[in-house]
Amino acid sequence: MGIRPEHFSRATGGEEVINVGVEIVRPTESRALGTFFIDGTHVVAEFGAHEVTEVGTSIALSVAMDCTSSFRTDGGRAVGPASIRQKGEERQWHHSAR
């Protein structure tokens, strides 16, 4: 699944939630990039400059699923928009950072 950093946002209620612990914070002038892991996968999300300022910050995120993409595992070819529940997969977007 492909998710661009700007397609993550703070969860506000009513959506699927990913609970993460930010492991690296890279501030820029107007934004901050936070790095965390989901199921062992390195993920980067974009935040407002003061939303995440410290390593170890716990944050509940949602994903703009209409902006994600699914890719084939045998070559990486895009196959279309992703869904929260992929065909044949029982995993949902409720993860906790470790």
Protein backbone atom coordinates (compact mmCIF):
# COMPACT_ATOMS: atom_id res chain seq x y z
CA MET A 1 0.00 0.00 0.00
CA GLY A 2 1.28 3.47 -0.78
CA ILE A 3 0.44 6.43 1.44
CA ARG A 4 2.01 9.86 0.98
CA PRO A 5 3.12 11.65 4.19
CA GLU A 6 0.55 14.44 3.71
CA HIS A 7 -2.35 11.96 3.64
CA PHE A 8 -2.06 11.23 7.37
CA SER A 9 -3.88 13.51 9.82
CA ARG A 10 -4.71 13.58 13.51
CA ALA A 11 -7.74 11.40 14.20
CA THR A 12 -10.78 13.43 15.19
CA GLY A 13 -13.30 10.63 15.75
CA GLY A 14 -15.49 8.53 13.51
CA GLU A 15 -12.67 7.22 11.31
CA GLU A 16 -10.29 4.27 11.37
CA VAL A 17 -7.39 5.04 13.71
CA ILE A 18 -3.70 4.13 13.75
CA ASN A 19 -2.04 4.69 17.14
CA VAL A 20 1.68 5.31 16.72
CA GLY A 21 4.69 6.39 18.72
CA VAL A 22 6.86 8.87 16.81
CA GLU A 23 10.49 7.70 16.74
CA ILE A 24 12.12 10.47 14.68
CA VAL A 25 11.01 14.10 14.27
CA ARG A 26 12.42 16.20 11.41
CA PRO A 27 11.25 19.81 11.66
CA THR A 28 11.14 22.08 8.63
CA GLU A 29 10.15 25.75 8.59
CA SER A 30 6.39 25.22 8.45
CA ARG A 31 5.93 21.45 8.86
CA ALA A 32 7.43 18.49 10.70
CA LEU A 33 8.00 14.97 9.42
CA GLY A 34 7.43 12.23 11.96
CA THR A 35 8.76 8.70 11.48
CA PHE A 36 7.17 5.63 13.06
CA PHE A 37 6.64 1.94 12.35
CA ILE A 38 3.44 0.06 11.49
CA ASP A 39 3.81 -3.74 11.53
CA GLY A 40 7.57 -3.33 11.10
CA THR A 41 7.23 -0.98 8.12
CA HIS A 42 8.97 2.40 8.26
CA VAL A 43 6.36 5.15 7.74
CA VAL A 44 6.67 8.95 7.46
CA ALA A 45 3.81 11.37 8.11
CA GLU A 46 3.67 15.13 7.71
CA PHE A 47 2.45 17.28 10.61
CA GLY A 48 2.04 20.94 11.42
CA ALA A 49 5.23 22.53 12.75
CA HIS A 50 4.11 22.28 16.39
CA GLU A 51 1.92 19.15 16.31
CA VAL A 52 4.81 16.75 16.97
CA THR A 53 7.97 18.18 18.48
CA GLU A 54 9.42 15.35 20.57
CA VAL A 55 10.52 11.79 19.97
CA GLY A 56 8.24 9.37 21.82
CA THR A 57 5.09 11.40 21.22
CA SER A 58 2.05 9.11 20.97
CA ILE A 59 -0.48 10.18 18.39
CA ALA A 60 -3.73 8.81 16.93
CA LEU A 61 -3.75 9.18 13.15
CA SER A 62 -6.23 8.63 10.37
CA VAL A 63 -5.44 8.06 6.70
CA ALA A 64 -7.14 9.63 3.69
CA MET A 65 -7.91 6.20 2.20
CA ASP A 66 -9.19 7.73 -1.04
CA CYS A 67 -5.62 8.97 -1.62
CA THR A 68 -3.85 5.63 -1.13
CA SER A 69 -2.73 3.10 -3.73
CA SER A 70 -2.35 -0.67 -3.78
CA PHE A 71 0.59 -2.34 -5.50
CA ARG A 72 1.21 -5.89 -6.71
CA THR A 73 3.77 -7.80 -4.67
CA ASP A 74 5.26 -9.38 -7.82
CA GLY A 75 6.80 -6.31 -9.41
CA GLY A 76 5.20 -3.33 -7.69
CA ARG A 77 2.71 -2.41 -10.43
CA ALA A 78 -0.10 -0.14 -9.16
CA VAL A 79 -3.43 -1.94 -9.20
CA GLY A 80 -5.72 0.81 -7.93
CA PRO A 81 -6.91 2.50 -4.77
CA ALA A 82 -6.28 0.67 -1.52
CA SER A 83 -8.98 -0.25 0.93
CA ILE A 84 -8.88 -0.63 4.65
CA ARG A 85 -9.60 -4.33 4.33
CA GLN A 86 -7.77 -5.86 1.37
CA LYS A 87 -9.37 -8.89 -0.28
CA GLY A 88 -8.51 -12.02 1.70
CA GLU A 89 -6.96 -10.02 4.52
CA GLU A 90 -8.49 -9.76 7.97
CA ARG A 91 -6.12 -7.06 9.26
CA GLN A 92 -7.63 -3.63 9.82
CA TRP A 93 -6.07 -0.24 10.46
CA HIS A 94 -5.94 -0.55 14.23
CA HIS A 95 -2.25 -0.80 15.05
CA SER A 96 -0.17 0.17 18.03
CA ALA A 97 3.46 1.17 17.82
CA ARG A 98 5.92 -1.02 19.70
